[in-house]
Amino acid sequence: MDSHHAAHRFIYEGWRVAVHLDGTDAQGDIAGWAELRLGDASRSRIALAGHHRDGASAIGALAKVARAYIDDWRSRPHTGDTGFMSL
């Protein structure tokens, strides 16, 4: 994935999700992102939104959004040549 160590990893509907936390900002809020991979390719990266003061809250929020993204992607028809672009 990248050189950062994931704080949490899981597989959902065939996608591999890695949640990364970057530490805290000056106000004490945690920054982070989730990387979503389908097969061997990175397909999306989701940034942490909102204010999270602890790692468990940040991980939970990112995991929830990642699952919603995957569910939304799976609910749409995928025809033609409008697939993912390389990240």
PDB file of N, CA and C in Angstrom:
ATOM      1  N   MET A   1       0.825  -1.175   0.000  1.00  0.00           N
ATOM      2  CA  MET A   1       0.000   0.000   0.000  1.00  0.00           C
ATOM      3  C   MET A   1       0.874   1.245   0.000  1.00  0.00           C
ATOM      4  N   ASP A   2       1.365   1.655   1.142  1.00  0.00           N
ATOM      5  CA  ASP A   2       2.326   2.744   1.209  1.00  0.00           C
ATOM      6  C   ASP A   2       3.190   2.536   2.437  1.00  0.00           C
ATOM      7  N   SER A   3       4.032   3.492   2.736  1.00  0.00           N
ATOM      8  CA  SER A   3       4.987   3.294   3.826  1.00  0.00           C
ATOM      9  C   SER A   3       4.369   3.461   5.213  1.00  0.00           C
ATOM     10  N   HIS A   4       3.153   4.001   5.311  1.00  0.00           N
ATOM     11  CA  HIS A   4       2.505   4.154   6.618  1.00  0.00           C
ATOM     12  C   HIS A   4       1.974   2.803   7.086  1.00  0.00           C
ATOM     13  N   HIS A   5       1.978   2.600   8.364  1.00  0.00           N
ATOM     14  CA  HIS A   5       1.427   1.380   8.922  1.00  0.00           C
ATOM     15  C   HIS A   5      -0.058   1.586   9.169  1.00  0.00           C
ATOM     16  N   ALA A   6      -0.855   0.643   8.736  1.00  0.00           N
ATOM     17  CA  ALA A   6      -2.297   0.750   8.929  1.00  0.00           C
ATOM     18  C   ALA A   6      -2.639   0.502  10.393  1.00  0.00           C
ATOM     19  N   ALA A   7      -3.562   1.298  10.904  1.00  0.00           N
ATOM     20  CA  ALA A   7      -4.040   1.121  12.271  1.00  0.00           C
ATOM     21  C   ALA A   7      -5.086   0.007  12.336  1.00  0.00           C
ATOM     22  N   HIS A   8      -5.723  -0.255  11.191  1.00  0.00           N
ATOM     23  CA  HIS A   8      -6.776  -1.264  11.133  1.00  0.00           C
ATOM     24  C   HIS A   8      -6.923  -1.726   9.691  1.00  0.00           C
ATOM     25  N   ARG A   9      -7.049  -3.017   9.498  1.00  0.00           N
ATOM     26  CA  ARG A   9      -7.256  -3.595   8.162  1.00  0.00           C
ATOM     27  C   ARG A   9      -8.437  -4.541   8.223  1.00  0.00           C
ATOM     28  N   PHE A  10      -9.207  -4.579   7.134  1.00  0.00           N
ATOM     29  CA  PHE A  10     -10.285  -5.550   7.046  1.00  0.00           C
ATOM     30  C   PHE A  10     -10.645  -5.765   5.584  1.00  0.00           C
ATOM     31  N   ILE A  11     -11.343  -6.868   5.325  1.00  0.00           N
ATOM     32  CA  ILE A  11     -11.843  -7.185   3.992  1.00  0.00           C
ATOM     33  C   ILE A  11     -13.357  -7.074   4.041  1.00  0.00           C
ATOM     34  N   TYR A  12     -13.920  -6.386   3.042  1.00  0.00           N
ATOM     35  CA  TYR A  12     -15.368  -6.198   2.979  1.00  0.00           C
ATOM     36  C   TYR A  12     -15.819  -6.387   1.534  1.00  0.00           C
ATOM     37  N   GLU A  13     -16.677  -7.351   1.305  1.00  0.00           N
ATOM     38  CA  GLU A  13     -17.232  -7.618  -0.028  1.00  0.00           C
ATOM     39  C   GLU A  13     -16.132  -7.769  -1.088  1.00  0.00           C
ATOM     40  N   GLY A  14     -15.026  -8.387  -0.701  1.00  0.00           N
ATOM     41  CA  GLY A  14     -13.928  -8.622  -1.631  1.00  0.00           C
ATOM     42  C   GLY A  14     -12.944  -7.470  -1.762  1.00  0.00           C
ATOM     43  N   TRP A  15     -13.202  -6.357  -1.101  1.00  0.00           N
ATOM     44  CA  TRP A  15     -12.299  -5.202  -1.105  1.00  0.00           C
ATOM     45  C   TRP A  15     -11.418  -5.279   0.129  1.00  0.00           C
ATOM     46  N   ARG A  16     -10.170  -4.869  -0.006  1.00  0.00           N
ATOM     47  CA  ARG A  16      -9.267  -4.753   1.142  1.00  0.00           C
ATOM     48  C   ARG A  16      -9.217  -3.289   1.556  1.00  0.00           C
ATOM     49  N   VAL A  17      -9.449  -3.059   2.826  1.00  0.00           N
ATOM     50  CA  VAL A  17      -9.476  -1.695   3.358  1.00  0.00           C
ATOM     51  C   VAL A  17      -8.386  -1.565   4.416  1.00  0.00           C
ATOM     52  N   ALA A  18      -7.603  -0.504   4.305  1.00  0.00           N
ATOM     53  CA  ALA A  18      -6.575  -0.199   5.300  1.00  0.00           C
ATOM     54  C   ALA A  18      -6.825   1.204   5.827  1.00  0.00           C
ATOM     55  N   VAL A  19      -7.027   1.302   7.121  1.00  0.00           N
ATOM     56  CA  VAL A  19      -7.270   2.591   7.774  1.00  0.00           C
ATOM     57  C   VAL A  19      -5.952   3.069   8.375  1.00  0.00           C
ATOM     58  N   HIS A  20      -5.567   4.279   8.036  1.00  0.00           N
ATOM     59  CA  HIS A  20      -4.315   4.878   8.502  1.00  0.00           C
ATOM     60  C   HIS A  20      -4.627   6.100   9.360  1.00  0.00           C
ATOM     61  N   LEU A  21      -3.910   6.253  10.455  1.00  0.00           N
ATOM     62  CA  LEU A  21      -4.033   7.437  11.307  1.00  0.00           C
ATOM     63  C   LEU A  21      -2.714   8.184  11.298  1.00  0.00           C
ATOM     64  N   ASP A  22      -2.799   9.518  11.207  1.00  0.00           N
ATOM     65  CA  ASP A  22      -1.603  10.354  11.092  1.00  0.00           C
ATOM     66  C   ASP A  22      -1.219  11.081  12.377  1.00  0.00           C
ATOM     67  N   GLY A  23      -1.922  10.866  13.450  1.00  0.00           N
ATOM     68  CA  GLY A  23      -1.627  11.609  14.669  1.00  0.00           C
ATOM     69  C   GLY A  23      -2.629  12.728  14.861  1.00  0.00           C
ATOM     70  N   THR A  24      -2.268  13.683  15.677  1.00  0.00           N
ATOM     71  CA  THR A  24      -3.222  14.736  16.029  1.00  0.00           C
ATOM     72  C   THR A  24      -2.747  16.101  15.536  1.00  0.00           C
ATOM     73  N   ASP A  25      -3.733  16.996  15.346  1.00  0.00           N
ATOM     74  CA  ASP A  25      -3.408  18.366  14.969  1.00  0.00           C
ATOM     75  C   ASP A  25      -3.281  19.220  16.238  1.00  0.00           C
ATOM     76  N   ALA A  26      -3.133  20.526  16.071  1.00  0.00           N
ATOM     77  CA  ALA A  26      -2.920  21.433  17.206  1.00  0.00           C
ATOM     78  C   ALA A  26      -4.104  21.445  18.175  1.00  0.00           C
ATOM     79  N   GLN A  27      -5.302  21.124  17.669  1.00  0.00           N
ATOM     80  CA  GLN A  27      -6.497  21.107  18.526  1.00  0.00           C
ATOM     81  C   GLN A  27      -6.736  19.743  19.169  1.00  0.00           C
ATOM     82  N   GLY A  28      -5.902  18.766  18.849  1.00  0.00           N
ATOM     83  CA  GLY A  28      -6.043  17.440  19.429  1.00  0.00           C
ATOM     84  C   GLY A  28      -6.893  16.490  18.619  1.00  0.00           C
ATOM     85  N   ASP A  29      -7.309  16.892  17.414  1.00  0.00           N
ATOM     86  CA  ASP A  29      -8.109  16.017  16.561  1.00  0.00           C
ATOM     87  C   ASP A  29      -7.202  15.099  15.745  1.00  0.00           C
ATOM     88  N   ILE A  30      -7.644  13.885  15.543  1.00  0.00           N
ATOM     89  CA  ILE A  30      -6.875  12.889  14.804  1.00  0.00           C
ATOM     90  C   ILE A  30      -7.134  13.032  13.313  1.00  0.00           C
ATOM     91  N   ALA A  31      -6.074  12.924  12.532  1.00  0.00           N
ATOM     92  CA  ALA A  31      -6.177  12.927  11.069  1.00  0.00           C
ATOM     93  C   ALA A  31      -5.958  11.510  10.571  1.00  0.00           C
ATOM     94  N   GLY A  32      -6.557  11.186   9.422  1.00  0.00           N
ATOM     95  CA  GLY A  32      -6.361   9.866   8.862  1.00  0.00           C
ATOM     96  C   GLY A  32      -7.079   9.681   7.550  1.00  0.00           C
ATOM     97  N   TRP A  33      -6.917   8.481   6.996  1.00  0.00           N
ATOM     98  CA  TRP A  33      -7.569   8.136   5.740  1.00  0.00           C
ATOM     99  C   TRP A  33      -7.725   6.634   5.659  1.00  0.00           C
ATOM    100  N   ALA A  34      -8.567   6.210   4.701  1.00  0.00           N
ATOM    101  CA  ALA A  34      -8.714   4.787   4.401  1.00  0.00           C
ATOM    102  C   ALA A  34      -8.390   4.578   2.934  1.00  0.00           C
ATOM    103  N   GLU A  35      -7.607   3.552   2.667  1.00  0.00           N
ATOM    104  CA  GLU A  35      -7.301   3.180   1.291  1.00  0.00           C
ATOM    105  C   GLU A  35      -8.106   1.939   0.956  1.00  0.00           C
ATOM    106  N   LEU A  36      -8.817   1.983  -0.178  1.00  0.00           N
ATOM    107  CA  LEU A  36      -9.655   0.880  -0.620  1.00  0.00           C
ATOM    108  C   LEU A  36      -9.027   0.247  -1.849  1.00  0.00           C
ATOM    109  N   ARG A  37      -8.848  -1.067  -1.791  1.00  0.00           N
ATOM    110  CA  ARG A  37      -8.221  -1.792  -2.898  1.00  0.00           C
ATOM    111  C   ARG A  37      -9.160  -2.901  -3.362  1.00  0.00           C
ATOM    112  N   LEU A  38      -9.256  -3.034  -4.666  1.00  0.00           N
ATOM    113  CA  LEU A  38     -10.007  -4.114  -5.285  1.00  0.00           C
ATOM    114  C   LEU A  38      -9.025  -4.875  -6.154  1.00  0.00           C
ATOM    115  N   GLY A  39      -8.845  -6.138  -5.862  1.00  0.00           N
ATOM    116  CA  GLY A  39      -7.781  -6.883  -6.523  1.00  0.00           C
ATOM    117  C   GLY A  39      -6.449  -6.336  -6.044  1.00  0.00           C
ATOM    118  N   ASP A  40      -5.535  -6.123  -6.970  1.00  0.00           N
ATOM    119  CA  ASP A  40      -4.215  -5.600  -6.608  1.00  0.00           C
ATOM    120  C   ASP A  40      -4.104  -4.092  -6.757  1.00  0.00           C
ATOM    121  N   ALA A  41      -5.184  -3.437  -7.137  1.00  0.00           N
ATOM    122  CA  ALA A  41      -5.112  -2.002  -7.439  1.00  0.00           C
ATOM    123  C   ALA A  41      -5.805  -1.149  -6.386  1.00  0.00           C
ATOM    124  N   SER A  42      -5.195  -0.017  -6.090  1.00  0.00           N
ATOM    125  CA  SER A  42      -5.815   0.977  -5.230  1.00  0.00           C
ATOM    126  C   SER A  42      -6.937   1.637  -6.015  1.00  0.00           C
ATOM    127  N   ARG A  43      -8.141   1.664  -5.439  1.00  0.00           N
ATOM    128  CA  ARG A  43      -9.307   2.185  -6.157  1.00  0.00           C
ATOM    129  C   ARG A  43      -9.854   3.480  -5.585  1.00  0.00           C
ATOM    130  N   SER A  44      -9.642   3.730  -4.315  1.00  0.00           N
ATOM    131  CA  SER A  44     -10.154   4.960  -3.721  1.00  0.00           C
ATOM    132  C   SER A  44      -9.417   5.234  -2.417  1.00  0.00           C
ATOM    133  N   ARG A  45      -9.391   6.500  -2.064  1.00  0.00           N
ATOM    134  CA  ARG A  45      -8.831   6.918  -0.782  1.00  0.00           C
ATOM    135  C   ARG A  45      -9.837   7.881  -0.158  1.00  0.00           C
ATOM    136  N   ILE A  46     -10.180   7.629   1.081  1.00  0.00           N
ATOM    137  CA  ILE A  46     -11.187   8.420   1.782  1.00  0.00           C
ATOM    138  C   ILE A  46     -10.513   9.138   2.943  1.00  0.00           C
ATOM    139  N   ALA A  47     -10.702  10.449   3.014  1.00  0.00           N
ATOM    140  CA  ALA A  47     -10.126  11.243   4.096  1.00  0.00           C
ATOM    141  C   ALA A  47     -11.076  11.268   5.288  1.00  0.00           C
ATOM    142  N   LEU A  48     -10.508  11.338   6.469  1.00  0.00           N
ATOM    143  CA  LEU A  48     -11.291  11.427   7.692  1.00  0.00           C
ATOM    144  C   LEU A  48     -11.898  12.816   7.809  1.00  0.00           C
ATOM    145  N   ALA A  49     -13.197  12.858   7.988  1.00  0.00           N
ATOM    146  CA  ALA A  49     -13.903  14.128   8.175  1.00  0.00           C
ATOM    147  C   ALA A  49     -14.433  14.204   9.601  1.00  0.00           C
ATOM    148  N   GLY A  50     -14.587  15.393  10.104  1.00  0.00           N
ATOM    149  CA  GLY A  50     -15.117  15.569  11.445  1.00  0.00           C
ATOM    150  C   GLY A  50     -14.015  15.618  12.484  1.00  0.00           C
ATOM    151  N   HIS A  51     -14.435  15.713  13.721  1.00  0.00           N
ATOM    152  CA  HIS A  51     -13.506  15.825  14.840  1.00  0.00           C
ATOM    153  C   HIS A  51     -13.512  14.515  15.626  1.00  0.00           C
ATOM    154  N   HIS A  52     -12.358  13.900  15.706  1.00  0.00           N
ATOM    155  CA  HIS A  52     -12.219  12.642  16.439  1.00  0.00           C
ATOM    156  C   HIS A  52     -11.033  12.779  17.386  1.00  0.00           C
ATOM    157  N   ARG A  53     -11.286  12.585  18.666  1.00  0.00           N
ATOM    158  CA  ARG A  53     -10.260  12.766  19.691  1.00  0.00           C
ATOM    159  C   ARG A  53      -9.546  11.478  20.066  1.00  0.00           C
ATOM    160  N   ASP A  54     -10.054  10.336  19.577  1.00  0.00           N
ATOM    161  CA  ASP A  54      -9.382   9.076  19.907  1.00  0.00           C
ATOM    162  C   ASP A  54      -9.334   8.186  18.672  1.00  0.00           C
ATOM    163  N   GLY A  55      -8.374   7.281  18.676  1.00  0.00           N
ATOM    164  CA  GLY A  55      -8.157   6.409  17.534  1.00  0.00           C
ATOM    165  C   GLY A  55      -9.336   5.508  17.220  1.00  0.00           C
ATOM    166  N   ALA A  56      -9.994   4.990  18.241  1.00  0.00           N
ATOM    167  CA  ALA A  56     -11.117   4.081  18.010  1.00  0.00           C
ATOM    168  C   ALA A  56     -12.252   4.793  17.272  1.00  0.00           C
ATOM    169  N   SER A  57     -12.529   6.014  17.653  1.00  0.00           N
ATOM    170  CA  SER A  57     -13.572   6.798  16.988  1.00  0.00           C
ATOM    171  C   SER A  57     -13.205   7.080  15.537  1.00  0.00           C
ATOM    172  N   ALA A  58     -11.957   7.444  15.292  1.00  0.00           N
ATOM    173  CA  ALA A  58     -11.492   7.743  13.929  1.00  0.00           C
ATOM    174  C   ALA A  58     -11.534   6.484  13.061  1.00  0.00           C
ATOM    175  N   ILE A  59     -11.069   5.370  13.594  1.00  0.00           N
ATOM    176  CA  ILE A  59     -11.090   4.106  12.849  1.00  0.00           C
ATOM    177  C   ILE A  59     -12.523   3.709  12.536  1.00  0.00           C
ATOM    178  N   GLY A  60     -13.407   3.809  13.511  1.00  0.00           N
ATOM    179  CA  GLY A  60     -14.811   3.464  13.301  1.00  0.00           C
ATOM    180  C   GLY A  60     -15.459   4.312  12.222  1.00  0.00           C
ATOM    181  N   ALA A  61     -15.181   5.613  12.237  1.00  0.00           N
ATOM    182  CA  ALA A  61     -15.758   6.515  11.245  1.00  0.00           C
ATOM    183  C   ALA A  61     -15.255   6.172   9.838  1.00  0.00           C
ATOM    184  N   LEU A  62     -13.964   5.948   9.693  1.00  0.00           N
ATOM    185  CA  LEU A  62     -13.411   5.617   8.385  1.00  0.00           C
ATOM    186  C   LEU A  62     -13.903   4.258   7.888  1.00  0.00           C
ATOM    187  N   ALA A  63     -13.997   3.285   8.761  1.00  0.00           N
ATOM    188  CA  ALA A  63     -14.494   1.965   8.366  1.00  0.00           C
ATOM    189  C   ALA A  63     -15.942   2.058   7.901  1.00  0.00           C
ATOM    190  N   LYS A  64     -16.745   2.846   8.580  1.00  0.00           N
ATOM    191  CA  LYS A  64     -18.155   3.013   8.213  1.00  0.00           C
ATOM    192  C   LYS A  64     -18.282   3.659   6.833  1.00  0.00           C
ATOM    193  N   VAL A  65     -17.515   4.698   6.580  1.00  0.00           N
ATOM    194  CA  VAL A  65     -17.571   5.372   5.282  1.00  0.00           C
ATOM    195  C   VAL A  65     -17.040   4.461   4.178  1.00  0.00           C
ATOM    196  N   ALA A  66     -15.995   3.698   4.465  1.00  0.00           N
ATOM    197  CA  ALA A  66     -15.453   2.767   3.469  1.00  0.00           C
ATOM    198  C   ALA A  66     -16.499   1.723   3.085  1.00  0.00           C
ATOM    199  N   ARG A  67     -17.192   1.166   4.067  1.00  0.00           N
ATOM    200  CA  ARG A  67     -18.229   0.172   3.769  1.00  0.00           C
ATOM    201  C   ARG A  67     -19.370   0.799   2.960  1.00  0.00           C
ATOM    202  N   ALA A  68     -19.750   2.022   3.295  1.00  0.00           N
ATOM    203  CA  ALA A  68     -20.813   2.709   2.547  1.00  0.00           C
ATOM    204  C   ALA A  68     -20.388   2.964   1.106  1.00  0.00           C
ATOM    205  N   TYR A  69     -19.128   3.357   0.900  1.00  0.00           N
ATOM    206  CA  TYR A  69     -18.611   3.574  -0.449  1.00  0.00           C
ATOM    207  C   TYR A  69     -18.693   2.280  -1.261  1.00  0.00           C
ATOM    208  N   ILE A  70     -18.238   1.188  -0.667  1.00  0.00           N
ATOM    209  CA  ILE A  70     -18.242  -0.101  -1.355  1.00  0.00           C
ATOM    210  C   ILE A  70     -19.668  -0.540  -1.659  1.00  0.00           C
ATOM    211  N   ASP A  71     -20.562  -0.389  -0.692  1.00  0.00           N
ATOM    212  CA  ASP A  71     -21.962  -0.749  -0.917  1.00  0.00           C
ATOM    213  C   ASP A  71     -22.557   0.069  -2.061  1.00  0.00           C
ATOM    214  N   ASP A  72     -22.267   1.358  -2.088  1.00  0.00           N
ATOM    215  CA  ASP A  72     -22.775   2.222  -3.149  1.00  0.00           C
ATOM    216  C   ASP A  72     -22.209   1.791  -4.497  1.00  0.00           C
ATOM    217  N   TRP A  73     -20.911   1.529  -4.551  1.00  0.00           N
ATOM    218  CA  TRP A  73     -20.272   1.115  -5.794  1.00  0.00           C
ATOM    219  C   TRP A  73     -20.883  -0.197  -6.294  1.00  0.00           C
ATOM    220  N   ARG A  74     -21.121  -1.130  -5.397  1.00  0.00           N
ATOM    221  CA  ARG A  74     -21.677  -2.427  -5.784  1.00  0.00           C
ATOM    222  C   ARG A  74     -23.132  -2.324  -6.224  1.00  0.00           C
ATOM    223  N   SER A  75     -23.851  -1.310  -5.767  1.00  0.00           N
ATOM    224  CA  SER A  75     -25.271  -1.177  -6.103  1.00  0.00           C
ATOM    225  C   SER A  75     -25.502  -0.629  -7.511  1.00  0.00           C
ATOM    226  N   ARG A  76     -24.479  -0.055  -8.133  1.00  0.00           N
ATOM    227  CA  ARG A  76     -24.623   0.540  -9.460  1.00  0.00           C
ATOM    228  C   ARG A  76     -24.226  -0.455 -10.536  1.00  0.00           C
ATOM    229  N   PRO A  77     -24.869  -0.344 -11.721  1.00  0.00           N
ATOM    230  CA  PRO A  77     -24.436  -1.186 -12.834  1.00  0.00           C
ATOM    231  C   PRO A  77     -23.077  -0.716 -13.345  1.00  0.00           C
ATOM    232  N   HIS A  78     -22.255  -1.642 -13.755  1.00  0.00           N
ATOM    233  CA  HIS A  78     -20.924  -1.328 -14.273  1.00  0.00           C
ATOM    234  C   HIS A  78     -20.810  -1.906 -15.676  1.00  0.00           C
ATOM    235  N   THR A  79     -21.111  -1.068 -16.654  1.00  0.00           N
ATOM    236  CA  THR A  79     -21.064  -1.478 -18.053  1.00  0.00           C
ATOM    237  C   THR A  79     -20.156  -0.523 -18.821  1.00  0.00           C
ATOM    238  N   GLY A  80     -19.768  -0.923 -19.985  1.00  0.00           N
ATOM    239  CA  GLY A  80     -18.942  -0.054 -20.818  1.00  0.00           C
ATOM    240  C   GLY A  80     -17.515   0.014 -20.335  1.00  0.00           C
ATOM    241  N   ASP A  81     -16.847   1.085 -20.698  1.00  0.00           N
ATOM    242  CA  ASP A  81     -15.425   1.240 -20.367  1.00  0.00           C
ATOM    243  C   ASP A  81     -15.199   2.382 -19.389  1.00  0.00           C
ATOM    244  N   THR A  82     -16.125   2.542 -18.440  1.00  0.00           N
ATOM    245  CA  THR A  82     -15.999   3.633 -17.476  1.00  0.00           C
ATOM    246  C   THR A  82     -15.472   3.119 -16.143  1.00  0.00           C
ATOM    247  N   GLY A  83     -14.469   2.274 -16.209  1.00  0.00           N
ATOM    248  CA  GLY A  83     -13.895   1.704 -14.993  1.00  0.00           C
ATOM    249  C   GLY A  83     -13.048   2.710 -14.249  1.00  0.00           C
ATOM    250  N   PHE A  84     -12.329   2.217 -13.271  1.00  0.00           N
ATOM    251  CA  PHE A  84     -11.467   3.055 -12.444  1.00  0.00           C
ATOM    252  C   PHE A  84     -10.262   3.554 -13.231  1.00  0.00           C
ATOM    253  N   MET A  85      -9.755   4.693 -12.834  1.00  0.00           N
ATOM    254  CA  MET A  85      -8.487   5.182 -13.355  1.00  0.00           C
ATOM    255  C   MET A  85      -7.421   4.810 -12.329  1.00  0.00           C
ATOM    256  N   SER A  86      -6.189   4.704 -12.768  1.00  0.00           N
ATOM    257  CA  SER A  86      -5.095   4.388 -11.853  1.00  0.00           C
ATOM    258  C   SER A  86      -4.870   5.530 -10.880  1.00  0.00           C
ATOM    259  N   LEU A  87      -4.647   5.186  -9.620  1.00  0.00           N
ATOM    260  CA  LEU A  87      -4.320   6.200  -8.599  1.00  0.00           C
ATOM    261  C   LEU A  87      -2.833   6.256  -8.417  1.00  0.00           C
TER     262      LEU A  87
END
